[in-house]
Each structure stands twice: as C-alpha cells, then as structure tokens.
Amino acid sequence: MFWISNGLLVPVIVLLLLFLLRALVLVGGFFGEYYRRHSLQQKLAPLLEGDAAAFPLLSAVRQLLAHRDDAAWCERRLANFEVDAQRALGQSRTLAKLGPMLGLMGTLIPMGPALVGLAAGDLASMAYNMQVAFATTVVGMLIAAIGVVTLQVKQRWCARDLNDLEYIAQILHTGQADEKA
C-alpha cells in the first residue's frame, strides 16, 4: 500500500498542475465573458427592460423569433438552452470538486515518507515531504476557490439568461394569442 500511495504522488502533482493551468485559463475566459456581457448589457438594456445577456442569449432570441408560431418548438429551445447552460457550468464544477480532492491526496501521500524521515532522524527528507504536502494543499484549495467563484457568478448569469428567454417567449406567445383573438 505504501508503494502504491507513493506512486500516486507524481500523477497527483501533475493533475494539480494541469488543473491549476485550467483554472487560470478559466479565470481569463471568465473575465473576457464578463467584459462581453457588460458591454452587451449596456446595448440591450433598453430592449429587455433590464439586464441583458451574452451571445448565446442573442442566438436563442433569434431562434425564438423565427419559430414564434410553434409553441412546442419554443419550449424545446428553452429546455435546450438550460441544458447548454448546465454544460457551460461543468468546468467550474469540476474544478470546485476535484481541486480539494487532489490537494488532499497530494497532502496525505508525502506524509508517509515525512513520518518515516522523522523516525529515521532525516529531517531534510521530512522537511521536503512536508513542503510538498503543504504546497499541494494550497494549490488544490486555489483551484477550488477559482471553481467556486466562477461557478456562482456563471450560475447567476445563466439564470438571468433563462429568465430573459422565458420572458421573451411569453411575450411572443401572448402577442400571438392576442392577434388570434
């Protein structure tokens, strides 16, 4: 078991570094999306009487307008938009959940050799392994923090987008019912 545990240290550290890189890319994309949403919100606010959303919302609005006569299609489009929104949240969820797991694994694996070094009187080995243990914990928690923060903000964005789409679909169908009456 000890050898298996020690053998997992390198893959765990590699995964932590890859997740850290992915988290940094996520942060860059997150701020890019924030900027796009903010500028689009200013342009569309008068049309939607409030907050607007990003480009997937515009595509969905165009599709709703094109199929306004088909209520079932519009409902399906709204459901698909919600599924797509959940998919967009997946990366943040993954980082929020797996970051701490890998950080904990990276902490526990070098603790065994650190304790062996302590028992053998090899303080340099113990110090090195403790350094690895603490560093992997910090990196895992940083990854999780990035995942949690981006997940919370993106969830609000997706909820607002879906709310706007449902409002537009309701207006289209109410207007269509009024025209038939």
C-alpha atoms as a PDB file:
ATOM      1  CA  MET A   1       0.000   0.000   0.000  1.00  0.00           C
ATOM      2  CA  PHE A   2       2.850   2.332   0.813  1.00  0.00           C
ATOM      3  CA  TRP A   3       4.407   1.905  -2.635  1.00  0.00           C
ATOM      4  CA  ILE A   4       1.075   2.403  -4.362  1.00  0.00           C
ATOM      5  CA  SER A   5       0.489   5.545  -2.331  1.00  0.00           C
ATOM      6  CA  ASN A   6       3.939   6.917  -3.122  1.00  0.00           C
ATOM      7  CA  GLY A   7       3.478   6.012  -6.769  1.00  0.00           C
ATOM      8  CA  LEU A   8       0.396   8.235  -6.903  1.00  0.00           C
ATOM      9  CA  LEU A   9       2.245  11.359  -5.750  1.00  0.00           C
ATOM     10  CA  VAL A  10       3.662  12.295  -9.156  1.00  0.00           C
ATOM     11  CA  PRO A  11       0.348  11.813 -11.028  1.00  0.00           C
ATOM     12  CA  VAL A  12      -1.469  13.817  -8.350  1.00  0.00           C
ATOM     13  CA  ILE A  13       1.014  16.677  -8.615  1.00  0.00           C
ATOM     14  CA  VAL A  14       0.799  16.589 -12.427  1.00  0.00           C
ATOM     15  CA  LEU A  15      -3.004  16.664 -12.251  1.00  0.00           C
ATOM     16  CA  LEU A  16      -2.887  19.533  -9.764  1.00  0.00           C
ATOM     17  CA  LEU A  17      -0.620  21.498 -12.098  1.00  0.00           C
ATOM     18  CA  LEU A  18      -2.901  20.766 -15.064  1.00  0.00           C
ATOM     19  CA  PHE A  19      -5.959  21.798 -13.051  1.00  0.00           C
ATOM     20  CA  LEU A  20      -4.158  24.941 -11.933  1.00  0.00           C
ATOM     21  CA  LEU A  21      -3.411  25.782 -15.551  1.00  0.00           C
ATOM     22  CA  ARG A  22      -7.044  25.049 -16.448  1.00  0.00           C
ATOM     23  CA  ALA A  23      -8.206  27.253 -13.575  1.00  0.00           C
ATOM     24  CA  LEU A  24      -6.033  30.127 -14.784  1.00  0.00           C
ATOM     25  CA  VAL A  25      -7.420  29.717 -18.312  1.00  0.00           C
ATOM     26  CA  LEU A  26     -10.925  29.677 -16.797  1.00  0.00           C
ATOM     27  CA  VAL A  27     -10.230  32.941 -14.971  1.00  0.00           C
ATOM     28  CA  GLY A  28      -9.052  34.579 -18.207  1.00  0.00           C
ATOM     29  CA  GLY A  29     -12.117  33.368 -20.094  1.00  0.00           C
ATOM     30  CA  PHE A  30     -14.330  34.404 -17.211  1.00  0.00           C
ATOM     31  CA  PHE A  31     -13.121  37.993 -17.309  1.00  0.00           C
ATOM     32  CA  GLY A  32     -13.449  38.041 -21.105  1.00  0.00           C
ATOM     33  CA  GLU A  33     -17.036  36.852 -20.793  1.00  0.00           C
ATOM     34  CA  TYR A  34     -17.688  39.420 -18.060  1.00  0.00           C
ATOM     35  CA  TYR A  35     -16.478  42.207 -20.356  1.00  0.00           C
ATOM     36  CA  ARG A  36     -18.613  40.955 -23.281  1.00  0.00           C
ATOM     37  CA  ARG A  37     -21.682  40.654 -21.077  1.00  0.00           C
ATOM     38  CA  HIS A  38     -21.180  44.086 -19.612  1.00  0.00           C
ATOM     39  CA  SER A  39     -20.840  45.800 -22.986  1.00  0.00           C
ATOM     40  CA  LEU A  40     -23.773  43.857 -24.463  1.00  0.00           C
ATOM     41  CA  GLN A  41     -25.866  44.588 -21.396  1.00  0.00           C
ATOM     42  CA  GLN A  42     -25.468  48.301 -21.987  1.00  0.00           C
ATOM     43  CA  LYS A  43     -26.565  47.921 -25.617  1.00  0.00           C
ATOM     44  CA  LEU A  44     -29.560  45.654 -24.969  1.00  0.00           C
ATOM     45  CA  ALA A  45     -30.834  47.064 -21.688  1.00  0.00           C
ATOM     46  CA  PRO A  46     -33.438  49.312 -23.329  1.00  0.00           C
ATOM     47  CA  LEU A  47     -34.786  46.380 -25.364  1.00  0.00           C
ATOM     48  CA  LEU A  48     -35.169  43.952 -22.483  1.00  0.00           C
ATOM     49  CA  GLU A  49     -36.040  46.483 -19.766  1.00  0.00           C
ATOM     50  CA  GLY A  50     -33.180  45.466 -17.547  1.00  0.00           C
ATOM     51  CA  ASP A  51     -30.211  43.205 -17.633  1.00  0.00           C
ATOM     52  CA  ALA A  52     -29.228  41.621 -20.904  1.00  0.00           C
ATOM     53  CA  ALA A  53     -27.024  38.641 -21.505  1.00  0.00           C
ATOM     54  CA  ALA A  54     -24.294  37.332 -23.728  1.00  0.00           C
ATOM     55  CA  PHE A  55     -24.222  35.948 -27.247  1.00  0.00           C
ATOM     56  CA  PRO A  56     -25.911  32.561 -26.666  1.00  0.00           C
ATOM     57  CA  LEU A  57     -28.918  34.535 -25.494  1.00  0.00           C
ATOM     58  CA  LEU A  58     -28.997  36.522 -28.732  1.00  0.00           C
ATOM     59  CA  SER A  59     -28.897  33.343 -30.778  1.00  0.00           C
ATOM     60  CA  ALA A  60     -31.742  31.850 -28.753  1.00  0.00           C
ATOM     61  CA  VAL A  61     -33.799  35.057 -29.105  1.00  0.00           C
ATOM     62  CA  ARG A  62     -33.339  34.976 -32.883  1.00  0.00           C
ATOM     63  CA  GLN A  63     -34.473  31.360 -32.955  1.00  0.00           C
ATOM     64  CA  LEU A  64     -37.500  32.111 -30.777  1.00  0.00           C
ATOM     65  CA  LEU A  65     -38.460  34.937 -33.107  1.00  0.00           C
ATOM     66  CA  ALA A  66     -38.047  32.718 -36.154  1.00  0.00           C
ATOM     67  CA  HIS A  67     -40.274  29.988 -34.638  1.00  0.00           C
ATOM     68  CA  ARG A  68     -42.741  32.150 -32.748  1.00  0.00           C
ATOM     69  CA  ASP A  69     -45.709  30.279 -34.249  1.00  0.00           C
ATOM     70  CA  ASP A  70     -44.574  26.937 -32.824  1.00  0.00           C
ATOM     71  CA  ALA A  71     -45.018  26.961 -29.041  1.00  0.00           C
ATOM     72  CA  ALA A  72     -43.700  23.411 -28.641  1.00  0.00           C
ATOM     73  CA  TRP A  73     -40.511  24.278 -30.530  1.00  0.00           C
ATOM     74  CA  CYS A  74     -40.010  27.351 -28.349  1.00  0.00           C
ATOM     75  CA  GLU A  75     -40.420  25.271 -25.178  1.00  0.00           C
ATOM     76  CA  ARG A  76     -37.909  22.771 -26.508  1.00  0.00           C
ATOM     77  CA  ARG A  77     -35.481  25.601 -27.312  1.00  0.00           C
ATOM     78  CA  LEU A  78     -35.796  26.944 -23.767  1.00  0.00           C
ATOM     79  CA  ALA A  79     -35.116  23.468 -22.354  1.00  0.00           C
ATOM     80  CA  ASN A  80     -32.092  23.056 -24.634  1.00  0.00           C
ATOM     81  CA  PHE A  81     -30.812  26.470 -23.569  1.00  0.00           C
ATOM     82  CA  GLU A  82     -30.982  25.317 -19.950  1.00  0.00           C
ATOM     83  CA  VAL A  83     -29.088  22.109 -20.778  1.00  0.00           C
ATOM     84  CA  ASP A  84     -26.421  24.128 -22.599  1.00  0.00           C
ATOM     85  CA  ALA A  85     -26.151  26.460 -19.608  1.00  0.00           C
ATOM     86  CA  GLN A  86     -25.602  23.494 -17.279  1.00  0.00           C
ATOM     87  CA  ARG A  87     -22.913  22.180 -19.619  1.00  0.00           C
ATOM     88  CA  ALA A  88     -21.180  25.576 -19.527  1.00  0.00           C
ATOM     89  CA  LEU A  89     -21.051  25.330 -15.727  1.00  0.00           C
ATOM     90  CA  GLY A  90     -19.382  21.908 -15.821  1.00  0.00           C
ATOM     91  CA  GLN A  91     -15.793  23.094 -15.927  1.00  0.00           C
ATOM     92  CA  SER A  92     -16.231  25.294 -12.863  1.00  0.00           C
ATOM     93  CA  ARG A  93     -17.997  22.461 -11.006  1.00  0.00           C
ATOM     94  CA  THR A  94     -15.189  20.051 -11.849  1.00  0.00           C
ATOM     95  CA  LEU A  95     -12.525  22.406 -10.541  1.00  0.00           C
ATOM     96  CA  ALA A  96     -14.515  23.126  -7.386  1.00  0.00           C
ATOM     97  CA  LYS A  97     -14.885  19.423  -6.605  1.00  0.00           C
ATOM     98  CA  LEU A  98     -11.651  17.839  -7.802  1.00  0.00           C
ATOM     99  CA  GLY A  99      -9.243  20.583  -6.667  1.00  0.00           C
ATOM    100  CA  PRO A 100      -9.640  19.808  -2.952  1.00  0.00           C
ATOM    101  CA  MET A 101      -9.626  16.052  -3.575  1.00  0.00           C
ATOM    102  CA  LEU A 102      -6.337  16.170  -5.418  1.00  0.00           C
ATOM    103  CA  GLY A 103      -4.942  18.650  -2.894  1.00  0.00           C
ATOM    104  CA  LEU A 104      -5.788  16.272  -0.063  1.00  0.00           C
ATOM    105  CA  MET A 105      -4.253  13.345  -1.900  1.00  0.00           C
ATOM    106  CA  GLY A 106      -1.147  15.450  -2.524  1.00  0.00           C
ATOM    107  CA  THR A 107      -1.051  16.206   1.183  1.00  0.00           C
ATOM    108  CA  LEU A 108      -1.518  12.709   2.507  1.00  0.00           C
ATOM    109  CA  ILE A 109       0.808  10.871   0.127  1.00  0.00           C
ATOM    110  CA  PRO A 110       4.036  12.650   1.177  1.00  0.00           C
ATOM    111  CA  MET A 111       3.068  12.488   4.857  1.00  0.00           C
ATOM    112  CA  GLY A 112       4.073   8.796   4.989  1.00  0.00           C
ATOM    113  CA  PRO A 113       7.641   9.438   3.791  1.00  0.00           C
ATOM    114  CA  ALA A 114       7.783  12.515   6.038  1.00  0.00           C
ATOM    115  CA  LEU A 115       6.946  10.407   9.079  1.00  0.00           C
ATOM    116  CA  VAL A 116       9.491   7.778   8.007  1.00  0.00           C
ATOM    117  CA  GLY A 117      12.097  10.545   7.670  1.00  0.00           C
ATOM    118  CA  LEU A 118      11.189  11.846  11.120  1.00  0.00           C
ATOM    119  CA  ALA A 119      11.522   8.351  12.629  1.00  0.00           C
ATOM    120  CA  ALA A 120      14.883   7.853  10.896  1.00  0.00           C
ATOM    121  CA  GLY A 121      16.138  11.251  12.035  1.00  0.00           C
ATOM    122  CA  ASP A 122      16.351  12.512   8.434  1.00  0.00           C
ATOM    123  CA  LEU A 123      14.954  15.985   8.966  1.00  0.00           C
ATOM    124  CA  ALA A 124      15.838  17.129   5.443  1.00  0.00           C
ATOM    125  CA  SER A 125      13.660  14.386   3.937  1.00  0.00           C
ATOM    126  CA  MET A 126      10.873  15.180   6.373  1.00  0.00           C
ATOM    127  CA  ALA A 127      11.030  18.887   5.595  1.00  0.00           C
ATOM    128  CA  TYR A 128      10.976  18.265   1.836  1.00  0.00           C
ATOM    129  CA  ASN A 129       7.964  15.961   2.066  1.00  0.00           C
ATOM    130  CA  MET A 130       6.108  18.376   4.336  1.00  0.00           C
ATOM    131  CA  GLN A 131       6.818  21.157   1.861  1.00  0.00           C
ATOM    132  CA  VAL A 132       5.279  19.077  -0.944  1.00  0.00           C
ATOM    133  CA  ALA A 133       2.311  18.220   1.287  1.00  0.00           C
ATOM    134  CA  PHE A 134       1.526  21.829   2.138  1.00  0.00           C
ATOM    135  CA  ALA A 135       2.105  23.093  -1.396  1.00  0.00           C
ATOM    136  CA  THR A 136      -0.334  20.588  -2.894  1.00  0.00           C
ATOM    137  CA  THR A 137      -2.959  21.576  -0.321  1.00  0.00           C
ATOM    138  CA  VAL A 138      -2.613  25.237  -1.198  1.00  0.00           C
ATOM    139  CA  VAL A 139      -2.764  24.585  -4.938  1.00  0.00           C
ATOM    140  CA  GLY A 140      -5.822  22.342  -4.525  1.00  0.00           C
ATOM    141  CA  MET A 141      -7.632  24.982  -2.490  1.00  0.00           C
ATOM    142  CA  LEU A 142      -6.737  27.706  -5.010  1.00  0.00           C
ATOM    143  CA  ILE A 143      -8.185  25.581  -7.804  1.00  0.00           C
ATOM    144  CA  ALA A 144     -11.341  25.018  -5.757  1.00  0.00           C
ATOM    145  CA  ALA A 145     -11.684  28.728  -4.955  1.00  0.00           C
ATOM    146  CA  ILE A 146     -11.480  29.644  -8.634  1.00  0.00           C
ATOM    147  CA  GLY A 147     -14.042  26.965  -9.456  1.00  0.00           C
ATOM    148  CA  VAL A 148     -16.481  28.059  -6.739  1.00  0.00           C
ATOM    149  CA  VAL A 149     -16.322  31.778  -7.515  1.00  0.00           C
ATOM    150  CA  THR A 150     -16.705  31.330 -11.269  1.00  0.00           C
ATOM    151  CA  LEU A 151     -19.485  28.776 -10.731  1.00  0.00           C
ATOM    152  CA  GLN A 152     -21.511  31.134  -8.556  1.00  0.00           C
ATOM    153  CA  VAL A 153     -21.267  34.045 -10.960  1.00  0.00           C
ATOM    154  CA  LYS A 154     -21.936  31.899 -14.030  1.00  0.00           C
ATOM    155  CA  GLN A 155     -24.999  30.367 -12.340  1.00  0.00           C
ATOM    156  CA  ARG A 156     -26.428  33.852 -11.867  1.00  0.00           C
ATOM    157  CA  TRP A 157     -25.688  34.697 -15.493  1.00  0.00           C
ATOM    158  CA  CYS A 158     -27.374  31.527 -16.725  1.00  0.00           C
ATOM    159  CA  ALA A 159     -30.412  32.069 -14.519  1.00  0.00           C
ATOM    160  CA  ARG A 160     -30.760  35.630 -15.796  1.00  0.00           C
ATOM    161  CA  ASP A 161     -30.404  34.473 -19.403  1.00  0.00           C
ATOM    162  CA  LEU A 162     -33.047  31.791 -18.972  1.00  0.00           C
ATOM    163  CA  ASN A 163     -35.356  34.258 -17.240  1.00  0.00           C
ATOM    164  CA  ASP A 164     -34.967  36.712 -20.139  1.00  0.00           C
ATOM    165  CA  LEU A 165     -35.654  33.968 -22.687  1.00  0.00           C
ATOM    166  CA  GLU A 166     -38.757  32.793 -20.856  1.00  0.00           C
ATOM    167  CA  TYR A 167     -39.981  36.383 -20.701  1.00  0.00           C
ATOM    168  CA  ILE A 168     -39.436  36.871 -24.436  1.00  0.00           C
ATOM    169  CA  ALA A 169     -41.128  33.548 -25.250  1.00  0.00           C
ATOM    170  CA  GLN A 170     -44.083  34.518 -23.074  1.00  0.00           C
ATOM    171  CA  ILE A 171     -44.400  37.879 -24.833  1.00  0.00           C
ATOM    172  CA  LEU A 172     -44.245  36.196 -28.238  1.00  0.00           C
ATOM    173  CA  HIS A 173     -46.953  33.690 -27.337  1.00  0.00           C
ATOM    174  CA  THR A 174     -49.127  36.252 -25.561  1.00  0.00           C
ATOM    175  CA  GLY A 175     -48.864  38.557 -28.570  1.00  0.00           C
ATOM    176  CA  GLN A 176     -49.726  35.660 -30.887  1.00  0.00           C
ATOM    177  CA  ALA A 177     -52.776  34.769 -28.759  1.00  0.00           C
ATOM    178  CA  ASP A 178     -53.893  38.406 -28.797  1.00  0.00           C
ATOM    179  CA  GLU A 179     -53.593  38.530 -32.590  1.00  0.00           C
ATOM    180  CA  LYS A 180     -55.746  35.415 -32.974  1.00  0.00           C
ATOM    181  CA  ALA A 181     -58.462  36.810 -30.679  1.00  0.00           C
END
